[in-house]
Amino acid sequence: MFDKHTRFLIVDDLKTIRSLLKDILKKLGFSNIAEAEDGLKAWSLLKEAANSDAPFGFIISDWNMPNKTGLALLDDCLKDDQLRNIPFLMVTIESEREYVLKAIQMGVSDFVVKPFTGKTIEQKIRGIWSRIQSGELRKP
C-alpha cells in the first residue's frame, strides 16, 4: 500500500465531496491531504509542489468541474514530465462506456463512479498500488 506519508490532492468543485474523500483517506491512515476546488487550482498546486521537496504522490479528481475539468487536468499531467507518473483516480457520475473508455485511453490510473463508499475508494487505491508494483502502471 502507499506510504502513509504520501501526499494526496483531492480535486472536486463540491466541498462535501472533498470532505468525504478527506475523511476516507484519514480513516485509511493518510494525513497529508490538500484540496482544490477545480482543475486550475489543482494545476497550480501540482506545479508548485513538483518544484518543492513535497510533491504530490496521488491525485483524486472529479471529472466535471468548472474552469478545468478532471479530464483536462489528467491530460495536462500526462504531458508534464514532473507530473505524468502521479497515480490519478478519476471520480465521476459518468458511467457510460464512452466516458470510461476515453479516460482509460488517456491514461487514467483508475476511476470510480459516484456515489461511492469508503471501501470502494480503498479498493481502488490498493488496486492502483498493486498495478504499480506489478509494473502495469508507471511508478510515481
N, C-alpha and C. Protein backbone atom coordinates (compact mmCIF):
# COMPACT_ATOMS: atom_id res chain seq x y z
N MET A 1 0.85 -1.19 0.00
CA MET A 1 0.00 0.00 0.00
C MET A 1 0.89 1.24 0.00
N PHE A 2 0.33 2.34 -0.45
CA PHE A 2 1.08 3.59 -0.48
C PHE A 2 1.53 3.95 0.93
N ASP A 3 2.70 4.56 1.02
CA ASP A 3 3.23 5.02 2.29
C ASP A 3 2.24 5.98 2.94
N LYS A 4 2.10 5.91 4.23
CA LYS A 4 1.15 6.77 4.95
C LYS A 4 1.49 8.26 4.85
N HIS A 5 2.70 8.57 4.41
CA HIS A 5 3.11 9.96 4.25
C HIS A 5 2.87 10.47 2.82
N THR A 6 2.31 9.62 1.96
CA THR A 6 2.01 10.02 0.59
C THR A 6 1.14 11.28 0.61
N ARG A 7 1.50 12.23 -0.21
CA ARG A 7 0.75 13.49 -0.28
C ARG A 7 -0.36 13.36 -1.33
N PHE A 8 -1.61 13.49 -0.88
CA PHE A 8 -2.78 13.37 -1.75
C PHE A 8 -3.31 14.75 -2.11
N LEU A 9 -3.83 14.85 -3.34
CA LEU A 9 -4.54 16.05 -3.77
C LEU A 9 -5.95 15.62 -4.18
N ILE A 10 -6.94 16.19 -3.52
CA ILE A 10 -8.35 15.93 -3.83
C ILE A 10 -8.87 17.13 -4.62
N VAL A 11 -9.43 16.87 -5.79
CA VAL A 11 -9.92 17.94 -6.66
C VAL A 11 -11.40 17.71 -6.95
N ASP A 12 -12.24 18.59 -6.46
CA ASP A 12 -13.68 18.49 -6.70
C ASP A 12 -14.29 19.85 -6.44
N ASP A 13 -15.27 20.24 -7.25
CA ASP A 13 -15.90 21.54 -7.05
C ASP A 13 -16.88 21.53 -5.88
N LEU A 14 -17.26 20.35 -5.40
CA LEU A 14 -18.17 20.27 -4.25
C LEU A 14 -17.39 20.03 -2.96
N LYS A 15 -17.49 20.97 -2.04
CA LYS A 15 -16.78 20.85 -0.76
C LYS A 15 -17.19 19.59 -0.01
N THR A 16 -18.46 19.20 -0.11
CA THR A 16 -18.91 17.99 0.60
C THR A 16 -18.19 16.74 0.10
N ILE A 17 -17.95 16.66 -1.19
CA ILE A 17 -17.24 15.50 -1.75
C ILE A 17 -15.77 15.54 -1.32
N ARG A 18 -15.18 16.74 -1.35
CA ARG A 18 -13.78 16.85 -0.89
C ARG A 18 -13.67 16.42 0.57
N SER A 19 -14.60 16.85 1.40
CA SER A 19 -14.59 16.48 2.82
C SER A 19 -14.78 14.98 3.01
N LEU A 20 -15.69 14.40 2.24
CA LEU A 20 -15.93 12.96 2.32
C LEU A 20 -14.67 12.18 1.95
N LEU A 21 -14.04 12.56 0.84
CA LEU A 21 -12.82 11.87 0.41
C LEU A 21 -11.70 12.06 1.43
N LYS A 22 -11.60 13.25 1.98
CA LYS A 22 -10.57 13.52 3.00
C LYS A 22 -10.79 12.63 4.22
N ASP A 23 -12.03 12.49 4.66
CA ASP A 23 -12.34 11.61 5.79
C ASP A 23 -12.00 10.15 5.48
N ILE A 24 -12.30 9.71 4.29
CA ILE A 24 -11.97 8.34 3.88
C ILE A 24 -10.46 8.12 3.92
N LEU A 25 -9.71 9.07 3.36
CA LEU A 25 -8.25 8.95 3.36
C LEU A 25 -7.69 8.93 4.77
N LYS A 26 -8.24 9.77 5.64
CA LYS A 26 -7.78 9.80 7.03
C LYS A 26 -8.04 8.47 7.72
N LYS A 27 -9.19 7.86 7.45
CA LYS A 27 -9.50 6.55 8.03
C LYS A 27 -8.56 5.47 7.52
N LEU A 28 -8.01 5.68 6.32
CA LEU A 28 -7.05 4.74 5.75
C LEU A 28 -5.62 5.01 6.26
N GLY A 29 -5.47 6.05 7.07
CA GLY A 29 -4.18 6.35 7.67
C GLY A 29 -3.38 7.44 6.99
N PHE A 30 -3.95 8.08 5.97
CA PHE A 30 -3.25 9.16 5.27
C PHE A 30 -3.63 10.50 5.91
N SER A 31 -2.64 11.36 6.08
CA SER A 31 -2.92 12.65 6.71
C SER A 31 -2.40 13.85 5.92
N ASN A 32 -1.59 13.60 4.92
CA ASN A 32 -1.01 14.68 4.12
C ASN A 32 -1.90 14.91 2.90
N ILE A 33 -2.97 15.69 3.10
CA ILE A 33 -4.02 15.84 2.10
C ILE A 33 -4.28 17.31 1.81
N ALA A 34 -4.26 17.66 0.54
CA ALA A 34 -4.60 19.02 0.11
C ALA A 34 -5.85 18.95 -0.76
N GLU A 35 -6.50 20.10 -0.91
CA GLU A 35 -7.74 20.16 -1.68
C GLU A 35 -7.69 21.30 -2.70
N ALA A 36 -8.41 21.09 -3.79
CA ALA A 36 -8.59 22.15 -4.80
C ALA A 36 -10.01 22.06 -5.31
N GLU A 37 -10.60 23.22 -5.58
CA GLU A 37 -11.99 23.25 -6.00
C GLU A 37 -12.19 23.12 -7.50
N ASP A 38 -11.10 23.15 -8.26
CA ASP A 38 -11.20 22.94 -9.71
C ASP A 38 -9.82 22.59 -10.27
N GLY A 39 -9.81 22.24 -11.54
CA GLY A 39 -8.57 21.83 -12.18
C GLY A 39 -7.53 22.92 -12.29
N LEU A 40 -7.96 24.17 -12.41
CA LEU A 40 -6.99 25.28 -12.48
C LEU A 40 -6.21 25.41 -11.17
N LYS A 41 -6.94 25.40 -10.07
CA LYS A 41 -6.29 25.48 -8.75
C LYS A 41 -5.41 24.26 -8.53
N ALA A 42 -5.91 23.09 -8.92
CA ALA A 42 -5.14 21.85 -8.77
C ALA A 42 -3.83 21.93 -9.55
N TRP A 43 -3.91 22.43 -10.78
CA TRP A 43 -2.71 22.53 -11.62
C TRP A 43 -1.66 23.42 -10.94
N SER A 44 -2.11 24.53 -10.40
CA SER A 44 -1.21 25.45 -9.70
C SER A 44 -0.55 24.74 -8.50
N LEU A 45 -1.35 24.03 -7.71
CA LEU A 45 -0.81 23.31 -6.55
C LEU A 45 0.15 22.21 -6.97
N LEU A 46 -0.19 21.49 -8.03
CA LEU A 46 0.67 20.40 -8.51
C LEU A 46 2.02 20.91 -8.98
N LYS A 47 2.02 22.00 -9.75
CA LYS A 47 3.27 22.55 -10.26
C LYS A 47 4.13 23.11 -9.13
N GLU A 48 3.49 23.80 -8.20
CA GLU A 48 4.21 24.35 -7.04
C GLU A 48 4.84 23.20 -6.24
N ALA A 49 4.08 22.16 -5.99
CA ALA A 49 4.58 21.03 -5.20
C ALA A 49 5.68 20.27 -5.92
N ALA A 50 5.55 20.15 -7.24
CA ALA A 50 6.55 19.42 -8.02
C ALA A 50 7.91 20.09 -7.94
N ASN A 51 7.91 21.40 -7.75
CA ASN A 51 9.16 22.16 -7.67
C ASN A 51 9.61 22.37 -6.22
N SER A 52 9.01 21.62 -5.32
CA SER A 52 9.38 21.71 -3.91
C SER A 52 9.89 20.36 -3.43
N ASP A 53 10.14 20.27 -2.13
CA ASP A 53 10.58 18.99 -1.58
C ASP A 53 9.39 18.14 -1.10
N ALA A 54 8.17 18.56 -1.46
CA ALA A 54 6.97 17.83 -1.03
C ALA A 54 5.99 17.67 -2.20
N PRO A 55 6.38 16.90 -3.23
CA PRO A 55 5.47 16.71 -4.36
C PRO A 55 4.28 15.82 -4.00
N PHE A 56 3.24 15.93 -4.79
CA PHE A 56 2.08 15.08 -4.58
C PHE A 56 2.40 13.67 -5.08
N GLY A 57 1.81 12.68 -4.41
CA GLY A 57 2.03 11.29 -4.78
C GLY A 57 0.77 10.59 -5.26
N PHE A 58 -0.36 11.30 -5.23
CA PHE A 58 -1.63 10.69 -5.65
C PHE A 58 -2.65 11.81 -5.87
N ILE A 59 -3.42 11.70 -6.97
CA ILE A 59 -4.47 12.67 -7.29
C ILE A 59 -5.80 11.94 -7.35
N ILE A 60 -6.79 12.49 -6.66
CA ILE A 60 -8.18 12.02 -6.79
C ILE A 60 -8.95 13.21 -7.31
N SER A 61 -9.50 13.08 -8.52
CA SER A 61 -10.14 14.23 -9.15
C SER A 61 -11.51 13.90 -9.71
N ASP A 62 -12.43 14.85 -9.53
CA ASP A 62 -13.73 14.79 -10.18
C ASP A 62 -13.52 15.00 -11.68
N TRP A 63 -14.45 14.51 -12.46
CA TRP A 63 -14.40 14.69 -13.91
C TRP A 63 -14.98 16.05 -14.28
N ASN A 64 -16.20 16.32 -13.84
CA ASN A 64 -16.94 17.52 -14.24
C ASN A 64 -16.75 18.65 -13.23
N MET A 65 -15.99 19.65 -13.64
CA MET A 65 -15.75 20.82 -12.79
C MET A 65 -15.66 22.05 -13.68
N PRO A 66 -15.97 23.22 -13.11
CA PRO A 66 -15.79 24.46 -13.88
C PRO A 66 -14.30 24.79 -14.03
N ASN A 67 -14.00 25.67 -14.94
CA ASN A 67 -12.65 26.20 -15.19
C ASN A 67 -11.70 25.21 -15.85
N LYS A 68 -11.53 24.02 -15.29
CA LYS A 68 -10.72 22.98 -15.92
C LYS A 68 -11.26 21.65 -15.42
N THR A 69 -11.68 20.81 -16.34
CA THR A 69 -12.25 19.51 -15.97
C THR A 69 -11.16 18.55 -15.47
N GLY A 70 -11.59 17.49 -14.85
CA GLY A 70 -10.65 16.45 -14.42
C GLY A 70 -9.94 15.83 -15.60
N LEU A 71 -10.65 15.68 -16.71
CA LEU A 71 -10.04 15.10 -17.92
C LEU A 71 -8.95 16.03 -18.46
N ALA A 72 -9.21 17.33 -18.46
CA ALA A 72 -8.20 18.30 -18.91
C ALA A 72 -7.01 18.31 -17.96
N LEU A 73 -7.28 18.17 -16.65
CA LEU A 73 -6.19 18.10 -15.67
C LEU A 73 -5.36 16.85 -15.90
N LEU A 74 -6.01 15.72 -16.12
CA LEU A 74 -5.30 14.48 -16.41
C LEU A 74 -4.42 14.67 -17.64
N ASP A 75 -4.96 15.24 -18.69
CA ASP A 75 -4.22 15.47 -19.93
C ASP A 75 -2.99 16.33 -19.67
N ASP A 76 -3.16 17.42 -18.91
CA ASP A 76 -2.03 18.30 -18.59
C ASP A 76 -0.96 17.55 -17.79
N CYS A 77 -1.40 16.75 -16.82
CA CYS A 77 -0.45 15.99 -16.00
C CYS A 77 0.35 15.00 -16.85
N LEU A 78 -0.33 14.32 -17.75
CA LEU A 78 0.33 13.31 -18.58
C LEU A 78 1.33 13.93 -19.56
N LYS A 79 1.15 15.19 -19.88
CA LYS A 79 2.06 15.89 -20.79
C LYS A 79 3.24 16.53 -20.06
N ASP A 80 3.22 16.49 -18.73
CA ASP A 80 4.25 17.15 -17.93
C ASP A 80 5.21 16.12 -17.33
N ASP A 81 6.49 16.27 -17.61
CA ASP A 81 7.49 15.30 -17.14
C ASP A 81 7.49 15.14 -15.62
N GLN A 82 7.21 16.21 -14.89
CA GLN A 82 7.24 16.15 -13.43
C GLN A 82 5.99 15.47 -12.86
N LEU A 83 4.91 15.45 -13.61
CA LEU A 83 3.62 15.02 -13.07
C LEU A 83 3.06 13.74 -13.69
N ARG A 84 3.61 13.31 -14.80
CA ARG A 84 2.98 12.23 -15.56
C ARG A 84 2.88 10.90 -14.82
N ASN A 85 3.72 10.67 -13.84
CA ASN A 85 3.71 9.39 -13.14
C ASN A 85 2.91 9.38 -11.84
N ILE A 86 2.25 10.48 -11.53
CA ILE A 86 1.43 10.52 -10.32
C ILE A 86 0.16 9.70 -10.57
N PRO A 87 -0.14 8.73 -9.72
CA PRO A 87 -1.38 7.98 -9.88
C PRO A 87 -2.58 8.93 -9.86
N PHE A 88 -3.54 8.68 -10.75
CA PHE A 88 -4.67 9.58 -10.94
C PHE A 88 -5.96 8.76 -10.91
N LEU A 89 -6.75 8.97 -9.86
CA LEU A 89 -8.04 8.30 -9.70
C LEU A 89 -9.14 9.30 -10.07
N MET A 90 -9.89 9.00 -11.12
CA MET A 90 -10.96 9.87 -11.58
C MET A 90 -12.26 9.48 -10.90
N VAL A 91 -12.96 10.47 -10.34
CA VAL A 91 -14.26 10.27 -9.71
C VAL A 91 -15.29 10.94 -10.61
N THR A 92 -16.35 10.20 -10.95
CA THR A 92 -17.31 10.76 -11.90
C THR A 92 -18.71 10.20 -11.71
N ILE A 93 -19.67 10.94 -12.19
CA ILE A 93 -21.04 10.42 -12.26
C ILE A 93 -21.26 9.78 -13.62
N GLU A 94 -20.28 9.95 -14.50
CA GLU A 94 -20.37 9.42 -15.86
C GLU A 94 -20.02 7.93 -15.88
N SER A 95 -21.02 7.09 -16.06
CA SER A 95 -20.75 5.65 -16.09
C SER A 95 -20.90 5.08 -17.50
N GLU A 96 -21.20 5.95 -18.46
CA GLU A 96 -21.36 5.47 -19.83
C GLU A 96 -20.02 5.00 -20.38
N ARG A 97 -20.10 3.95 -21.16
CA ARG A 97 -18.91 3.30 -21.71
C ARG A 97 -17.96 4.27 -22.41
N GLU A 98 -18.50 5.22 -23.18
CA GLU A 98 -17.65 6.14 -23.94
C GLU A 98 -16.79 7.01 -23.02
N TYR A 99 -17.35 7.43 -21.89
CA TYR A 99 -16.58 8.25 -20.94
C TYR A 99 -15.46 7.42 -20.31
N VAL A 100 -15.82 6.23 -19.88
CA VAL A 100 -14.84 5.33 -19.25
C VAL A 100 -13.71 5.03 -20.23
N LEU A 101 -14.05 4.69 -21.46
CA LEU A 101 -13.03 4.37 -22.47
C LEU A 101 -12.12 5.55 -22.75
N LYS A 102 -12.70 6.74 -22.81
CA LYS A 102 -11.88 7.94 -23.07
C LYS A 102 -10.86 8.14 -21.96
N ALA A 103 -11.29 8.01 -20.71
CA ALA A 103 -10.38 8.19 -19.57
C ALA A 103 -9.29 7.11 -19.59
N ILE A 104 -9.66 5.88 -19.88
CA ILE A 104 -8.68 4.79 -19.93
C ILE A 104 -7.69 5.01 -21.06
N GLN A 105 -8.19 5.39 -22.23
CA GLN A 105 -7.31 5.64 -23.37
C GLN A 105 -6.33 6.77 -23.08
N MET A 106 -6.76 7.75 -22.33
CA MET A 106 -5.88 8.87 -21.99
C MET A 106 -4.80 8.47 -21.01
N GLY A 107 -5.08 7.48 -20.16
CA GLY A 107 -4.06 7.03 -19.22
C GLY A 107 -4.42 7.20 -17.76
N VAL A 108 -5.71 7.34 -17.43
CA VAL A 108 -6.11 7.43 -16.03
C VAL A 108 -5.72 6.12 -15.32
N SER A 109 -5.30 6.23 -14.07
CA SER A 109 -4.90 5.02 -13.33
C SER A 109 -6.12 4.15 -13.03
N ASP A 110 -7.23 4.77 -12.67
CA ASP A 110 -8.48 4.07 -12.43
C ASP A 110 -9.58 5.11 -12.27
N PHE A 111 -10.81 4.66 -12.16
CA PHE A 111 -11.91 5.59 -11.96
C PHE A 111 -12.94 4.95 -11.05
N VAL A 112 -13.74 5.80 -10.43
CA VAL A 112 -14.82 5.33 -9.56
C VAL A 112 -16.05 6.18 -9.87
N VAL A 113 -17.20 5.53 -9.90
CA VAL A 113 -18.44 6.22 -10.22
C VAL A 113 -19.16 6.61 -8.94
N LYS A 114 -19.64 7.86 -8.89
CA LYS A 114 -20.43 8.34 -7.75
C LYS A 114 -21.82 7.71 -7.83
N PRO A 115 -22.46 7.41 -6.73
CA PRO A 115 -21.94 7.52 -5.36
C PRO A 115 -20.98 6.37 -5.07
N PHE A 116 -20.05 6.60 -4.16
CA PHE A 116 -19.06 5.59 -3.80
C PHE A 116 -19.02 5.44 -2.29
N THR A 117 -18.36 4.38 -1.84
CA THR A 117 -18.19 4.15 -0.41
C THR A 117 -16.70 4.24 -0.08
N GLY A 118 -16.41 4.30 1.20
CA GLY A 118 -15.02 4.29 1.64
C GLY A 118 -14.32 3.02 1.20
N LYS A 119 -15.02 1.92 1.25
CA LYS A 119 -14.46 0.62 0.84
C LYS A 119 -14.08 0.64 -0.64
N THR A 120 -14.92 1.27 -1.46
CA THR A 120 -14.63 1.36 -2.89
C THR A 120 -13.36 2.18 -3.12
N ILE A 121 -13.23 3.30 -2.44
CA ILE A 121 -12.04 4.15 -2.59
C ILE A 121 -10.80 3.36 -2.14
N GLU A 122 -10.91 2.68 -1.02
CA GLU A 122 -9.79 1.87 -0.54
C GLU A 122 -9.40 0.80 -1.56
N GLN A 123 -10.38 0.12 -2.12
CA GLN A 123 -10.10 -0.92 -3.12
C GLN A 123 -9.42 -0.33 -4.35
N LYS A 124 -9.85 0.83 -4.78
CA LYS A 124 -9.25 1.47 -5.96
C LYS A 124 -7.80 1.86 -5.67
N ILE A 125 -7.54 2.44 -4.49
CA ILE A 125 -6.18 2.84 -4.13
C ILE A 125 -5.28 1.61 -4.04
N ARG A 126 -5.77 0.55 -3.39
CA ARG A 126 -5.00 -0.70 -3.30
C ARG A 126 -4.75 -1.31 -4.68
N GLY A 127 -5.76 -1.24 -5.55
CA GLY A 127 -5.62 -1.77 -6.90
C GLY A 127 -4.56 -1.01 -7.69
N ILE A 128 -4.55 0.30 -7.56
CA ILE A 128 -3.54 1.12 -8.24
C ILE A 128 -2.16 0.77 -7.71
N TRP A 129 -2.03 0.62 -6.39
CA TRP A 129 -0.75 0.24 -5.80
C TRP A 129 -0.27 -1.10 -6.35
N SER A 130 -1.16 -2.07 -6.41
CA SER A 130 -0.81 -3.40 -6.93
C SER A 130 -0.34 -3.33 -8.38
N ARG A 131 -1.03 -2.51 -9.18
CA ARG A 131 -0.66 -2.37 -10.59
C ARG A 131 0.67 -1.64 -10.75
N ILE A 132 1.00 -0.74 -9.85
CA ILE A 132 2.31 -0.09 -9.88
C ILE A 132 3.38 -1.12 -9.54
N GLN A 133 3.14 -1.91 -8.51
CA GLN A 133 4.11 -2.92 -8.09
C GLN A 133 4.35 -3.97 -9.15
N SER A 134 3.32 -4.31 -9.91
CA SER A 134 3.45 -5.34 -10.95
C SER A 134 4.06 -4.77 -12.23
N GLY A 135 4.22 -3.45 -12.30
CA GLY A 135 4.78 -2.83 -13.48
C GLY A 135 3.75 -2.45 -14.53
N GLU A 136 2.48 -2.73 -14.24
CA GLU A 136 1.42 -2.39 -15.18
C GLU A 136 1.21 -0.88 -15.28
N LEU A 137 1.37 -0.19 -14.15
CA LEU A 137 1.30 1.27 -14.12
C LEU A 137 2.70 1.84 -13.86
N ARG A 138 2.92 3.06 -14.32
CA ARG A 138 4.20 3.72 -14.09
C ARG A 138 4.40 4.06 -12.62
N LYS A 139 5.63 4.00 -12.16
CA LYS A 139 5.93 4.32 -10.77
C LYS A 139 5.98 5.83 -10.58
N PRO A 140 5.44 6.30 -9.44
CA PRO A 140 5.49 7.74 -9.16
C PRO A 140 6.91 8.20 -8.88
